[in-house]
Amino acid sequence: MFRSIIPREEVFFDNFEKICALMTEAAKHLRSMLATGGPYGEAARRIKDIESEADELTHRSIETLHKTFVTPLDRQDILRLVVGLDDILDTTEAVSSLLDLYNPRKTLQKAMHLADLLVQGTEKVAAMVGLLRQLSKASDRLLALAVELNHLENEADQAYQQAIARLFQEEDDPKELIKWKDILEHIETATDQCEDVADIIEGLVLENA
C-alpha cells in the first residue's frame, strides 16, 4: 500500500533531468534560428513542440508532488524548481515565436551572442540539476556552478546593454528597432531565469549543509 503513496524519489529527479534536456535543446534550436535567419516558422514550431513536451513533464511532476506522502526535497523547493525550469523554456519558446511573428530583416550579432550565453546557462543549470541526486556529496561543485552562473548572467546583462545601445545607434527603421528590442529583452530574461534556478539550488545546498 505504501508503495503507491510513496513513489521512488527518482521520479522527481528523472523529470527534472528530462525537462533540463528539453530546455537545453530548445536553447540550441533558438541559437540556430538566429544563426540561420528566416524563414523561422519550422524552427519555431519545433521549439513549441519541445516546450509542450516539457509542459507535460511539469504538470506530471506537480501532480506527483500532490500525491506523494514523502518527497526527496522540501515540497516548496520541488515546486519552485519545476516552475523555474518551466519558466526558462516558456521564455525561450516566446523568443522563437517573436522571431516567427516579427520576421526581422537581418540577425543581430549581439542577439546571437546572447543566445549563446543562454545555451551556456541552460547547460550549467542542467549540470546542477543532475547533481541533485547526490546533494550533500556534490555541494562544493553545486556552489561552484552557482557562482559560474552568476558570472554568466552578469555577462549576459552587459551583452544586453551593449546590444540595446548599438541597436539605438545603428537601426534607422523604427519597426526593426521595436522588433529587436523585444526579442533581446526576452533572451536576457531567459538568462536571468537560469540564474533564478541556480539560486534555488544554491539555497538547497546551504539548507542541507
C-alpha atoms as a PDB file:
ATOM      1  CA  MET A   1       0.000   0.000   0.000  1.00  0.00           C
ATOM      2  CA  PHE A   2       2.748   2.453   0.956  1.00  0.00           C
ATOM      3  CA  ARG A   3       4.468   1.892  -2.387  1.00  0.00           C
ATOM      4  CA  SER A   4       1.515   3.605  -4.081  1.00  0.00           C
ATOM      5  CA  ILE A   5       1.701   6.759  -1.938  1.00  0.00           C
ATOM      6  CA  ILE A   6       5.493   6.881  -1.587  1.00  0.00           C
ATOM      7  CA  PRO A   7       6.813   6.565  -5.140  1.00  0.00           C
ATOM      8  CA  ARG A   8      10.525   6.255  -5.691  1.00  0.00           C
ATOM      9  CA  GLU A   9      12.153   9.658  -5.229  1.00  0.00           C
ATOM     10  CA  GLU A  10      13.922   9.182  -8.569  1.00  0.00           C
ATOM     11  CA  VAL A  11      10.638  10.110 -10.286  1.00  0.00           C
ATOM     12  CA  PHE A  12      11.184  13.769  -9.409  1.00  0.00           C
ATOM     13  CA  PHE A  13      14.851  13.770 -10.363  1.00  0.00           C
ATOM     14  CA  ASP A  14      14.100  11.924 -13.610  1.00  0.00           C
ATOM     15  CA  ASN A  15      11.523  14.545 -14.575  1.00  0.00           C
ATOM     16  CA  PHE A  16      13.851  17.417 -13.648  1.00  0.00           C
ATOM     17  CA  GLU A  17      16.596  15.979 -15.839  1.00  0.00           C
ATOM     18  CA  LYS A  18      14.249  15.357 -18.764  1.00  0.00           C
ATOM     19  CA  ILE A  19      12.966  18.934 -18.574  1.00  0.00           C
ATOM     20  CA  CYS A  20      16.563  20.186 -18.489  1.00  0.00           C
ATOM     21  CA  ALA A  21      17.448  18.180 -21.587  1.00  0.00           C
ATOM     22  CA  LEU A  22      14.485  19.713 -23.423  1.00  0.00           C
ATOM     23  CA  MET A  23      15.349  23.173 -22.100  1.00  0.00           C
ATOM     24  CA  THR A  24      18.905  22.935 -23.438  1.00  0.00           C
ATOM     25  CA  GLU A  25      17.688  21.524 -26.751  1.00  0.00           C
ATOM     26  CA  ALA A  26      15.279  24.448 -27.164  1.00  0.00           C
ATOM     27  CA  ALA A  27      18.023  26.980 -26.410  1.00  0.00           C
ATOM     28  CA  LYS A  28      20.291  25.377 -29.034  1.00  0.00           C
ATOM     29  CA  HIS A  29      17.484  25.466 -31.602  1.00  0.00           C
ATOM     30  CA  LEU A  30      16.970  29.157 -30.819  1.00  0.00           C
ATOM     31  CA  ARG A  31      20.668  29.843 -31.343  1.00  0.00           C
ATOM     32  CA  SER A  32      20.469  28.045 -34.693  1.00  0.00           C
ATOM     33  CA  MET A  33      17.411  30.090 -35.674  1.00  0.00           C
ATOM     34  CA  LEU A  34      19.341  33.302 -35.128  1.00  0.00           C
ATOM     35  CA  ALA A  35      22.417  31.995 -36.944  1.00  0.00           C
ATOM     36  CA  THR A  36      20.432  30.764 -39.943  1.00  0.00           C
ATOM     37  CA  GLY A  37      17.931  33.599 -40.247  1.00  0.00           C
ATOM     38  CA  GLY A  38      14.426  33.362 -41.649  1.00  0.00           C
ATOM     39  CA  PRO A  39      12.061  31.891 -42.519  1.00  0.00           C
ATOM     40  CA  TYR A  40      11.556  30.975 -38.875  1.00  0.00           C
ATOM     41  CA  GLY A  41       8.280  29.047 -38.947  1.00  0.00           C
ATOM     42  CA  GLU A  42       9.561  25.468 -38.950  1.00  0.00           C
ATOM     43  CA  ALA A  43      12.145  26.072 -36.226  1.00  0.00           C
ATOM     44  CA  ALA A  44       9.603  27.954 -34.096  1.00  0.00           C
ATOM     45  CA  ARG A  45       7.176  25.037 -34.362  1.00  0.00           C
ATOM     46  CA  ARG A  46       9.936  22.625 -33.316  1.00  0.00           C
ATOM     47  CA  ILE A  47      10.674  24.695 -30.214  1.00  0.00           C
ATOM     48  CA  LYS A  48       6.942  24.874 -29.467  1.00  0.00           C
ATOM     49  CA  ASP A  49       6.790  21.058 -29.618  1.00  0.00           C
ATOM     50  CA  ILE A  50       9.735  20.845 -27.208  1.00  0.00           C
ATOM     51  CA  GLU A  51       8.076  23.324 -24.856  1.00  0.00           C
ATOM     52  CA  SER A  52       4.818  21.332 -24.951  1.00  0.00           C
ATOM     53  CA  GLU A  53       6.682  18.132 -24.114  1.00  0.00           C
ATOM     54  CA  ALA A  54       8.326  19.876 -21.164  1.00  0.00           C
ATOM     55  CA  ASP A  55       4.939  21.250 -20.053  1.00  0.00           C
ATOM     56  CA  GLU A  56       3.633  17.701 -19.838  1.00  0.00           C
ATOM     57  CA  LEU A  57       6.566  16.719 -17.612  1.00  0.00           C
ATOM     58  CA  THR A  58       5.980  19.815 -15.476  1.00  0.00           C
ATOM     59  CA  HIS A  59       2.312  19.003 -14.970  1.00  0.00           C
ATOM     60  CA  ARG A  60       3.183  15.375 -14.234  1.00  0.00           C
ATOM     61  CA  SER A  61       5.730  16.463 -11.625  1.00  0.00           C
ATOM     62  CA  ILE A  62       3.242  18.766  -9.888  1.00  0.00           C
ATOM     63  CA  GLU A  63       0.581  16.068  -9.945  1.00  0.00           C
ATOM     64  CA  THR A  64       3.024  13.549  -8.454  1.00  0.00           C
ATOM     65  CA  LEU A  65       4.023  16.086  -5.804  1.00  0.00           C
ATOM     66  CA  HIS A  66       0.412  16.393  -4.630  1.00  0.00           C
ATOM     67  CA  LYS A  67       0.055  12.608  -4.452  1.00  0.00           C
ATOM     68  CA  THR A  68       3.351  11.894  -2.716  1.00  0.00           C
ATOM     69  CA  PHE A  69       3.496  11.381   1.038  1.00  0.00           C
ATOM     70  CA  VAL A  70       7.283  11.607   1.388  1.00  0.00           C
ATOM     71  CA  THR A  71       9.390  13.713  -1.002  1.00  0.00           C
ATOM     72  CA  PRO A  72      13.177  13.744  -1.516  1.00  0.00           C
ATOM     73  CA  LEU A  73      13.276  17.542  -1.127  1.00  0.00           C
ATOM     74  CA  ASP A  74      11.027  20.069   0.567  1.00  0.00           C
ATOM     75  CA  ARG A  75       7.727  20.324  -1.314  1.00  0.00           C
ATOM     76  CA  GLN A  76       8.037  24.069  -1.855  1.00  0.00           C
ATOM     77  CA  ASP A  77      11.558  23.639  -3.201  1.00  0.00           C
ATOM     78  CA  ILE A  78      10.404  20.979  -5.654  1.00  0.00           C
ATOM     79  CA  LEU A  79       7.593  23.225  -6.831  1.00  0.00           C
ATOM     80  CA  ARG A  80       9.862  26.273  -7.173  1.00  0.00           C
ATOM     81  CA  LEU A  81      12.416  24.229  -9.081  1.00  0.00           C
ATOM     82  CA  VAL A  82      10.000  22.708 -11.579  1.00  0.00           C
ATOM     83  CA  VAL A  83       8.289  26.069 -12.153  1.00  0.00           C
ATOM     84  CA  GLY A  84      11.677  27.762 -12.565  1.00  0.00           C
ATOM     85  CA  LEU A  85      12.764  25.266 -15.225  1.00  0.00           C
ATOM     86  CA  ASP A  86       9.427  25.661 -16.977  1.00  0.00           C
ATOM     87  CA  ASP A  87       9.860  29.448 -16.991  1.00  0.00           C
ATOM     88  CA  ILE A  88      13.176  29.175 -18.864  1.00  0.00           C
ATOM     89  CA  LEU A  89      11.561  27.005 -21.521  1.00  0.00           C
ATOM     90  CA  ASP A  90       8.497  29.238 -21.808  1.00  0.00           C
ATOM     91  CA  THR A  91      10.637  32.318 -22.368  1.00  0.00           C
ATOM     92  CA  THR A  92      12.867  30.525 -24.889  1.00  0.00           C
ATOM     93  CA  GLU A  93       9.756  29.484 -26.804  1.00  0.00           C
ATOM     94  CA  ALA A  94       8.457  33.052 -26.618  1.00  0.00           C
ATOM     95  CA  VAL A  95      11.640  34.300 -28.323  1.00  0.00           C
ATOM     96  CA  SER A  96      11.224  31.810 -31.170  1.00  0.00           C
ATOM     97  CA  SER A  97       7.576  32.861 -31.562  1.00  0.00           C
ATOM     98  CA  LEU A  98       8.606  36.523 -31.704  1.00  0.00           C
ATOM     99  CA  LEU A  99      11.167  35.768 -34.407  1.00  0.00           C
ATOM    100  CA  ASP A 100       8.499  33.983 -36.430  1.00  0.00           C
ATOM    101  CA  LEU A 101       5.947  36.750 -35.815  1.00  0.00           C
ATOM    102  CA  TYR A 102       8.218  39.734 -36.433  1.00  0.00           C
ATOM    103  CA  ASN A 103      10.405  38.156 -39.141  1.00  0.00           C
ATOM    104  CA  PRO A 104      13.193  40.747 -38.748  1.00  0.00           C
ATOM    105  CA  ARG A 105      15.173  41.592 -41.894  1.00  0.00           C
ATOM    106  CA  LYS A 106      18.558  40.528 -40.532  1.00  0.00           C
ATOM    107  CA  THR A 107      20.078  38.918 -37.457  1.00  0.00           C
ATOM    108  CA  LEU A 108      21.928  40.994 -34.902  1.00  0.00           C
ATOM    109  CA  GLN A 109      25.308  39.552 -33.913  1.00  0.00           C
ATOM    110  CA  LYS A 110      24.667  40.680 -30.346  1.00  0.00           C
ATOM    111  CA  ALA A 111      21.455  38.645 -30.301  1.00  0.00           C
ATOM    112  CA  MET A 112      23.419  35.561 -31.336  1.00  0.00           C
ATOM    113  CA  HIS A 113      25.903  36.246 -28.544  1.00  0.00           C
ATOM    114  CA  LEU A 114      23.056  36.478 -26.024  1.00  0.00           C
ATOM    115  CA  ALA A 115      21.574  33.246 -27.364  1.00  0.00           C
ATOM    116  CA  ASP A 116      24.944  31.534 -26.949  1.00  0.00           C
ATOM    117  CA  LEU A 117      25.071  32.715 -23.331  1.00  0.00           C
ATOM    118  CA  LEU A 118      21.574  31.300 -22.868  1.00  0.00           C
ATOM    119  CA  VAL A 119      22.746  27.916 -24.162  1.00  0.00           C
ATOM    120  CA  GLN A 120      25.656  28.005 -21.720  1.00  0.00           C
ATOM    121  CA  GLY A 121      23.256  28.947 -18.932  1.00  0.00           C
ATOM    122  CA  THR A 122      20.898  26.065 -19.650  1.00  0.00           C
ATOM    123  CA  GLU A 123      23.820  23.644 -19.773  1.00  0.00           C
ATOM    124  CA  LYS A 124      25.031  24.792 -16.355  1.00  0.00           C
ATOM    125  CA  VAL A 125      21.503  24.551 -14.930  1.00  0.00           C
ATOM    126  CA  ALA A 126      21.251  21.028 -16.327  1.00  0.00           C
ATOM    127  CA  ALA A 127      24.581  20.138 -14.703  1.00  0.00           C
ATOM    128  CA  MET A 128      23.340  21.434 -11.338  1.00  0.00           C
ATOM    129  CA  VAL A 129      20.059  19.552 -11.602  1.00  0.00           C
ATOM    130  CA  GLY A 130      21.958  16.389 -12.495  1.00  0.00           C
ATOM    131  CA  LEU A 131      23.826  16.625  -9.182  1.00  0.00           C
ATOM    132  CA  LEU A 132      20.698  16.916  -7.017  1.00  0.00           C
ATOM    133  CA  ARG A 133      20.551  13.140  -6.507  1.00  0.00           C
ATOM    134  CA  GLN A 134      23.791  13.456  -4.504  1.00  0.00           C
ATOM    135  CA  LEU A 135      23.106  16.851  -2.952  1.00  0.00           C
ATOM    136  CA  SER A 136      25.354  16.548   0.090  1.00  0.00           C
ATOM    137  CA  LYS A 137      28.272  14.905  -1.718  1.00  0.00           C
ATOM    138  CA  ALA A 138      28.174  17.379  -4.608  1.00  0.00           C
ATOM    139  CA  SER A 139      27.709  20.527  -2.510  1.00  0.00           C
ATOM    140  CA  ASP A 140      31.065  22.074  -3.433  1.00  0.00           C
ATOM    141  CA  ARG A 141      30.527  21.521  -7.159  1.00  0.00           C
ATOM    142  CA  LEU A 142      26.979  22.852  -6.948  1.00  0.00           C
ATOM    143  CA  LEU A 143      28.114  26.028  -5.207  1.00  0.00           C
ATOM    144  CA  ALA A 144      30.864  26.489  -7.810  1.00  0.00           C
ATOM    145  CA  LEU A 145      28.323  26.117 -10.631  1.00  0.00           C
ATOM    146  CA  ALA A 146      26.073  28.674  -8.930  1.00  0.00           C
ATOM    147  CA  VAL A 147      28.961  31.160  -8.960  1.00  0.00           C
ATOM    148  CA  GLU A 148      29.660  30.370 -12.627  1.00  0.00           C
ATOM    149  CA  LEU A 149      26.030  31.005 -13.487  1.00  0.00           C
ATOM    150  CA  ASN A 150      26.115  34.303 -11.633  1.00  0.00           C
ATOM    151  CA  HIS A 151      29.129  35.393 -13.702  1.00  0.00           C
ATOM    152  CA  LEU A 152      27.388  34.208 -16.873  1.00  0.00           C
ATOM    153  CA  GLU A 153      24.269  36.203 -16.062  1.00  0.00           C
ATOM    154  CA  ASN A 154      26.383  39.300 -15.411  1.00  0.00           C
ATOM    155  CA  GLU A 155      27.977  38.799 -18.823  1.00  0.00           C
ATOM    156  CA  ALA A 156      24.501  38.467 -20.348  1.00  0.00           C
ATOM    157  CA  ASP A 157      23.429  41.715 -18.669  1.00  0.00           C
ATOM    158  CA  GLN A 158      26.403  43.532 -20.191  1.00  0.00           C
ATOM    159  CA  ALA A 159      25.811  41.955 -23.609  1.00  0.00           C
ATOM    160  CA  TYR A 160      22.157  43.003 -23.467  1.00  0.00           C
ATOM    161  CA  GLN A 161      23.020  46.598 -22.564  1.00  0.00           C
ATOM    162  CA  GLN A 162      25.587  46.758 -25.362  1.00  0.00           C
ATOM    163  CA  ALA A 163      23.118  45.268 -27.834  1.00  0.00           C
ATOM    164  CA  ILE A 164      20.425  47.793 -26.927  1.00  0.00           C
ATOM    165  CA  ALA A 165      22.883  50.696 -27.159  1.00  0.00           C
ATOM    166  CA  ARG A 166      24.095  49.588 -30.590  1.00  0.00           C
ATOM    167  CA  LEU A 167      20.537  48.982 -31.744  1.00  0.00           C
ATOM    168  CA  PHE A 168      19.519  52.563 -30.972  1.00  0.00           C
ATOM    169  CA  GLN A 169      22.695  53.919 -32.541  1.00  0.00           C
ATOM    170  CA  GLU A 170      22.590  51.923 -35.774  1.00  0.00           C
ATOM    171  CA  GLU A 171      18.969  50.992 -36.560  1.00  0.00           C
ATOM    172  CA  ASP A 172      17.130  53.671 -38.537  1.00  0.00           C
ATOM    173  CA  ASP A 173      13.947  51.681 -39.120  1.00  0.00           C
ATOM    174  CA  PRO A 174      11.700  52.144 -36.047  1.00  0.00           C
ATOM    175  CA  LYS A 175       9.847  48.907 -36.779  1.00  0.00           C
ATOM    176  CA  GLU A 176      13.050  46.868 -36.794  1.00  0.00           C
ATOM    177  CA  LEU A 177      14.188  48.643 -33.648  1.00  0.00           C
ATOM    178  CA  ILE A 178      10.988  47.702 -31.804  1.00  0.00           C
ATOM    179  CA  LYS A 179      11.219  44.094 -33.016  1.00  0.00           C
ATOM    180  CA  TRP A 180      14.785  43.581 -31.853  1.00  0.00           C
ATOM    181  CA  LYS A 181      14.321  45.412 -28.580  1.00  0.00           C
ATOM    182  CA  ASP A 182      11.525  42.985 -27.686  1.00  0.00           C
ATOM    183  CA  ILE A 183      13.494  39.931 -28.815  1.00  0.00           C
ATOM    184  CA  LEU A 184      16.636  40.974 -26.932  1.00  0.00           C
ATOM    185  CA  GLU A 185      14.663  41.626 -23.747  1.00  0.00           C
ATOM    186  CA  HIS A 186      13.176  38.134 -23.849  1.00  0.00           C
ATOM    187  CA  ILE A 187      16.541  36.424 -24.384  1.00  0.00           C
ATOM    188  CA  GLU A 188      18.031  38.381 -21.493  1.00  0.00           C
ATOM    189  CA  THR A 189      15.047  37.410 -19.316  1.00  0.00           C
ATOM    190  CA  ALA A 190      15.716  33.737 -20.057  1.00  0.00           C
ATOM    191  CA  THR A 191      19.321  34.123 -18.876  1.00  0.00           C
ATOM    192  CA  ASP A 192      18.012  35.768 -15.684  1.00  0.00           C
ATOM    193  CA  GLN A 193      15.727  32.777 -15.155  1.00  0.00           C
ATOM    194  CA  CYS A 194      18.710  30.412 -15.391  1.00  0.00           C
ATOM    195  CA  GLU A 195      20.299  32.272 -12.504  1.00  0.00           C
ATOM    196  CA  ASP A 196      16.993  32.114 -10.597  1.00  0.00           C
ATOM    197  CA  VAL A 197      17.079  28.308 -10.779  1.00  0.00           C
ATOM    198  CA  ALA A 198      20.722  28.310  -9.709  1.00  0.00           C
ATOM    199  CA  ASP A 199      19.743  30.414  -6.687  1.00  0.00           C
ATOM    200  CA  ILE A 200      17.064  27.853  -5.743  1.00  0.00           C
ATOM    201  CA  ILE A 201      19.567  25.008  -5.923  1.00  0.00           C
ATOM    202  CA  GLU A 202      22.196  27.008  -4.041  1.00  0.00           C
ATOM    203  CA  GLY A 203      19.608  27.508  -1.294  1.00  0.00           C
ATOM    204  CA  LEU A 204      19.021  23.757  -1.182  1.00  0.00           C
ATOM    205  CA  VAL A 205      22.740  23.144  -0.713  1.00  0.00           C
ATOM    206  CA  LEU A 206      23.035  25.666   2.100  1.00  0.00           C
ATOM    207  CA  GLU A 207      19.908  24.363   3.845  1.00  0.00           C
ATOM    208  CA  ASN A 208      21.241  20.818   3.755  1.00  0.00           C
ATOM    209  CA  ALA A 209      24.844  21.660   4.681  1.00  0.00           C
END
